[in-house]
Amino acid sequence: MHDSPEPGLRERKRAQTAEAIHMAAAELALERGLDATTIDAISERADVSTRTFFNYFSSKEDAVLGIDETAVSLELERVRDYEGDVLASTFDLIYALFEASGGGQKNKALTRAVIKKHPQLMTRQMVRVAELEDRLSAIVAGWLSSEAAFAADSDEARLDEARVILGICLATVRVSMKRWAMHGDADPGATGAASAPSPSPSGAPADPRQTYERAIASLKTVLEKLS
């Protein structure tokens, strides 16, 4: 996975406001429960107006998760360049959504705690990715056109193939992120990827990006065994 370029000042300020709202929403969901967490309460704790809230998030659930539409678009633009590995690049697309949806925040323990208490939010996260399936598949199909094995296929066939690749990667991510959210990732060997990154020396759960990298290695291992 490649690293995104540093965002500009305007983007950083926007990200700070989005994170303030996201953190306020996540904290309230833990304290009061999801049903009792209101947009007014989130806005008050984040010290923003409700109008500002809706400039960043379309619902309280999206605020709890940190699903910011503008941030998602920016992240996808940053990672759409193809680096020669279809699977790794597809995981980059999915990871970009996670980065723009609360996963890249400093307090990962809070994000994990909220999802653990309200597992239905994990479903919302995956639904959000599904809502972007056509956009993501089109990007992957464009990459396939530069691959010799797919170059002779029609545009329609490559789009179908891209959807299959995206679906496989999403299923792998769903398994890995569910484990990260529910239990942490203290045992790197459990995914079947011996070369996967190790957890931090402190024993804290692995960084979500490491979890994604393990997912890539795990998927490749499974595909090799099936081939």
Protein backbone atom coordinates (compact mmCIF):
# COMPACT_ATOMS: atom_id res chain seq x y z
CA MET A 1 0.00 0.00 0.00
CA HIS A 2 1.25 3.45 -0.85
CA ASP A 3 1.13 6.46 1.43
CA SER A 4 -1.12 9.39 0.56
CA PRO A 5 0.42 12.86 0.14
CA GLU A 6 0.11 15.28 3.03
CA PRO A 7 -3.20 17.22 2.92
CA GLY A 8 -3.22 21.02 2.68
CA LEU A 9 -4.17 23.45 5.47
CA ARG A 10 -7.82 23.65 4.41
CA GLU A 11 -8.12 19.88 4.34
CA ARG A 12 -6.44 19.58 7.74
CA LYS A 13 -8.86 22.09 9.29
CA ARG A 14 -11.79 20.28 7.76
CA ALA A 15 -10.45 16.97 9.04
CA GLN A 16 -10.10 18.43 12.55
CA THR A 17 -13.74 19.53 12.60
CA ALA A 18 -14.89 16.18 11.22
CA GLU A 19 -12.87 14.36 13.86
CA ALA A 20 -14.31 16.55 16.65
CA ILE A 21 -17.85 15.67 15.56
CA HIS A 22 -16.97 12.02 15.09
CA MET A 23 -15.34 11.75 18.52
CA ALA A 24 -18.27 13.50 20.20
CA ALA A 25 -20.71 11.13 18.50
CA ALA A 26 -18.70 8.03 19.39
CA GLU A 27 -18.31 9.07 23.02
CA LEU A 28 -22.02 9.79 23.38
CA ALA A 29 -22.94 6.46 21.77
CA LEU A 30 -20.80 4.72 24.38
CA GLU A 31 -22.15 6.78 27.26
CA ARG A 32 -25.85 6.91 26.39
CA GLY A 33 -26.37 4.25 23.76
CA LEU A 34 -26.95 4.76 20.06
CA ASP A 35 -30.71 5.35 20.29
CA ALA A 36 -30.30 8.06 22.93
CA THR A 37 -27.54 9.85 21.04
CA THR A 38 -29.05 12.79 19.18
CA ILE A 39 -27.63 15.12 16.55
CA ASP A 40 -28.29 18.08 18.87
CA ALA A 41 -26.30 16.43 21.65
CA ILE A 42 -23.45 15.58 19.28
CA SER A 43 -23.33 19.12 17.95
CA GLU A 44 -23.35 20.59 21.44
CA ARG A 45 -20.47 18.40 22.61
CA ALA A 46 -18.45 19.09 19.45
CA ASP A 47 -19.19 22.83 19.81
CA VAL A 48 -20.66 23.17 16.32
CA SER A 49 -24.08 24.06 14.97
CA THR A 50 -26.44 21.40 13.66
CA ARG A 51 -26.04 23.04 10.24
CA THR A 52 -22.29 22.45 10.46
CA PHE A 53 -22.98 18.85 11.52
CA PHE A 54 -24.84 18.19 8.28
CA ASN A 55 -22.01 19.73 6.28
CA TYR A 56 -19.95 16.76 7.40
CA PHE A 57 -22.29 13.85 8.13
CA SER A 58 -25.68 12.77 6.80
CA SER A 59 -26.78 10.94 9.98
CA LYS A 60 -25.79 10.30 13.56
CA GLU A 61 -24.72 6.75 12.60
CA ASP A 62 -22.35 8.13 10.00
CA ALA A 63 -21.02 10.60 12.57
CA VAL A 64 -20.40 7.80 15.08
CA LEU A 65 -18.43 5.93 12.41
CA GLY A 66 -16.91 9.08 10.92
CA ILE A 67 -18.29 8.51 7.40
CA ASP A 68 -17.61 11.90 5.80
CA GLU A 69 -18.61 12.00 2.12
CA THR A 70 -16.15 14.74 1.16
CA ALA A 71 -13.28 12.95 2.90
CA VAL A 72 -14.22 9.73 1.11
CA SER A 73 -14.03 11.45 -2.29
CA LEU A 74 -10.66 13.01 -1.47
CA GLU A 75 -9.24 9.68 -0.31
CA LEU A 76 -10.42 7.87 -3.44
CA GLU A 77 -8.76 10.49 -5.63
CA ARG A 78 -5.49 9.97 -3.75
CA VAL A 79 -5.37 6.22 -4.26
CA ARG A 80 -6.82 5.74 -7.74
CA ASP A 81 -3.35 5.53 -9.36
CA TYR A 82 -2.49 1.96 -10.29
CA GLU A 83 0.72 0.48 -8.89
CA GLY A 84 0.81 -2.83 -10.75
CA ASP A 85 -0.81 -5.15 -8.19
CA VAL A 86 -4.57 -5.42 -8.66
CA LEU A 87 -5.29 -6.98 -5.27
CA ALA A 88 -3.10 -4.55 -3.31
CA SER A 89 -4.51 -1.57 -5.20
CA THR A 90 -8.09 -2.75 -4.59
CA PHE A 91 -7.35 -3.06 -0.89
CA ASP A 92 -5.97 0.48 -1.08
CA LEU A 93 -9.36 1.68 -2.34
CA ILE A 94 -11.19 -0.06 0.50
CA TYR A 95 -8.66 1.17 3.05
CA ALA A 96 -9.13 4.72 1.75
CA LEU A 97 -12.80 4.46 2.69
CA PHE A 98 -11.86 3.19 6.12
CA GLU A 99 -9.36 6.03 6.57
CA ALA A 100 -12.08 8.52 5.65
CA SER A 101 -14.59 6.79 7.92
CA GLY A 102 -13.08 7.06 11.38
CA GLY A 103 -10.56 4.24 11.00
CA GLY A 104 -7.60 6.58 10.72
CA GLN A 105 -8.40 8.58 13.85
CA LYS A 106 -5.97 8.71 16.74
CA ASN A 107 -8.30 7.06 19.23
CA LYS A 108 -8.75 3.70 17.52
CA ALA A 109 -9.70 2.09 20.83
CA LEU A 110 -12.80 4.31 20.97
CA THR A 111 -13.82 3.40 17.42
CA ARG A 112 -13.42 -0.28 18.21
CA ALA A 113 -15.33 0.01 21.48
CA VAL A 114 -18.29 1.67 19.76
CA ILE A 115 -18.48 -1.00 17.06
CA LYS A 116 -18.18 -3.72 19.67
CA LYS A 117 -21.06 -2.24 21.68
CA HIS A 118 -23.15 -1.52 18.58
CA PRO A 119 -22.20 -4.21 16.02
CA GLN A 120 -24.93 -3.02 13.66
CA LEU A 121 -22.59 -0.16 12.83
CA MET A 122 -20.23 -2.61 11.13
CA THR A 123 -23.10 -3.43 8.78
CA ARG A 124 -23.50 0.27 8.03
CA GLN A 125 -19.81 0.48 7.20
CA MET A 126 -20.06 -2.34 4.69
CA VAL A 127 -23.30 -0.94 3.25
CA ARG A 128 -21.47 2.32 2.65
CA VAL A 129 -18.83 0.48 0.63
CA ALA A 130 -21.57 -1.35 -1.29
CA GLU A 131 -23.13 2.02 -2.14
CA LEU A 132 -19.84 2.94 -3.81
CA GLU A 133 -19.47 -0.42 -5.57
CA ASP A 134 -20.06 0.93 -9.08
CA ARG A 135 -17.53 3.71 -8.59
CA LEU A 136 -14.92 1.38 -7.11
CA SER A 137 -15.53 -1.30 -9.74
CA ALA A 138 -15.03 1.22 -12.54
CA ILE A 139 -11.66 2.18 -11.09
CA VAL A 140 -10.58 -1.46 -10.81
CA ALA A 141 -11.82 -2.18 -14.35
CA GLY A 142 -9.63 0.65 -15.60
CA TRP A 143 -6.63 -1.01 -13.96
CA LEU A 144 -7.47 -4.36 -15.56
CA SER A 145 -7.27 -2.79 -19.02
CA SER A 146 -3.51 -2.40 -18.50
CA GLU A 147 -3.09 -6.06 -17.48
CA ALA A 148 -2.16 -8.43 -20.33
CA ALA A 149 -4.47 -11.18 -19.04
CA PHE A 150 -7.50 -8.85 -19.23
CA ALA A 151 -6.59 -6.52 -22.11
CA ALA A 152 -8.47 -8.53 -24.76
CA ASP A 153 -11.70 -8.59 -22.72
CA SER A 154 -14.56 -6.24 -23.50
CA ASP A 155 -15.24 -3.25 -21.25
CA GLU A 156 -18.35 -5.02 -19.95
CA ALA A 157 -16.40 -8.19 -19.15
CA ARG A 158 -13.68 -6.23 -17.33
CA LEU A 159 -16.32 -4.45 -15.29
CA ASP A 160 -17.80 -7.79 -14.23
CA GLU A 161 -14.31 -9.10 -13.42
CA ALA A 162 -13.62 -5.97 -11.40
CA ARG A 163 -16.80 -6.54 -9.40
CA VAL A 164 -15.67 -10.09 -8.62
CA ILE A 165 -12.26 -8.85 -7.46
CA LEU A 166 -13.85 -6.12 -5.36
CA GLY A 167 -16.30 -8.58 -3.82
CA ILE A 168 -13.53 -10.99 -2.83
CA CYS A 169 -11.47 -8.19 -1.30
CA LEU A 170 -14.48 -6.82 0.58
CA ALA A 171 -15.27 -10.24 2.03
CA THR A 172 -11.66 -10.57 3.21
CA VAL A 173 -11.73 -7.11 4.76
CA ARG A 174 -15.04 -7.85 6.49
CA VAL A 175 -13.53 -10.86 8.24
CA SER A 176 -10.34 -9.01 9.23
CA MET A 177 -12.03 -5.84 10.43
CA LYS A 178 -14.66 -7.73 12.40
CA ARG A 179 -11.86 -9.41 14.29
CA TRP A 180 -10.07 -6.08 14.77
CA ALA A 181 -13.24 -4.44 16.08
CA MET A 182 -14.33 -7.28 18.32
CA HIS A 183 -11.09 -8.66 19.71
CA GLY A 184 -8.06 -6.75 18.53
CA ASP A 185 -5.39 -8.57 16.56
CA ALA A 186 -2.85 -9.86 19.05
CA ASP A 187 -2.01 -13.02 17.12
CA PRO A 188 -0.65 -12.24 13.64
CA GLY A 189 -0.36 -15.91 12.80
CA ALA A 190 -4.07 -16.57 13.15
CA THR A 191 -4.83 -15.21 9.66
CA GLY A 192 -2.57 -17.76 8.04
CA ALA A 193 -0.10 -15.11 6.83
CA ALA A 194 3.27 -15.90 8.38
CA SER A 195 4.87 -12.75 6.98
CA ALA A 196 2.21 -10.41 8.39
CA PRO A 197 3.25 -7.45 10.57
CA SER A 198 3.45 -8.02 14.31
CA PRO A 199 1.32 -6.21 16.90
CA SER A 200 2.88 -3.44 18.93
CA PRO A 201 5.29 -4.44 21.74
CA SER A 202 2.84 -3.03 24.27
CA GLY A 203 0.38 -5.77 23.38
CA ALA A 204 -2.15 -3.25 22.01
CA PRO A 205 -4.24 -4.35 19.01
CA ALA A 206 -2.59 -3.92 15.62
CA ASP A 207 -3.08 -0.74 13.64
CA PRO A 208 -6.01 -1.04 11.21
CA ARG A 209 -3.62 -0.58 8.28
CA GLN A 210 -1.65 -3.60 9.47
CA THR A 211 -4.93 -5.49 9.64
CA TYR A 212 -5.57 -4.64 5.99
CA GLU A 213 -2.06 -5.72 5.01
CA ARG A 214 -2.63 -9.02 6.80
CA ALA A 215 -5.89 -9.38 4.90
CA ILE A 216 -4.02 -9.05 1.58
CA ALA A 217 -1.47 -11.66 2.64
CA SER A 218 -4.21 -13.97 3.91
CA LEU A 219 -6.20 -13.70 0.66
CA LYS A 220 -3.13 -14.38 -1.48
CA THR A 221 -2.34 -17.42 0.67
CA VAL A 222 -5.86 -18.80 0.20
CA LEU A 223 -5.74 -18.17 -3.58
CA GLU A 224 -2.39 -19.94 -3.82
CA LYS A 225 -3.79 -22.96 -1.98
CA LEU A 226 -6.78 -23.07 -4.29
CA SER A 227 -4.76 -22.73 -7.50
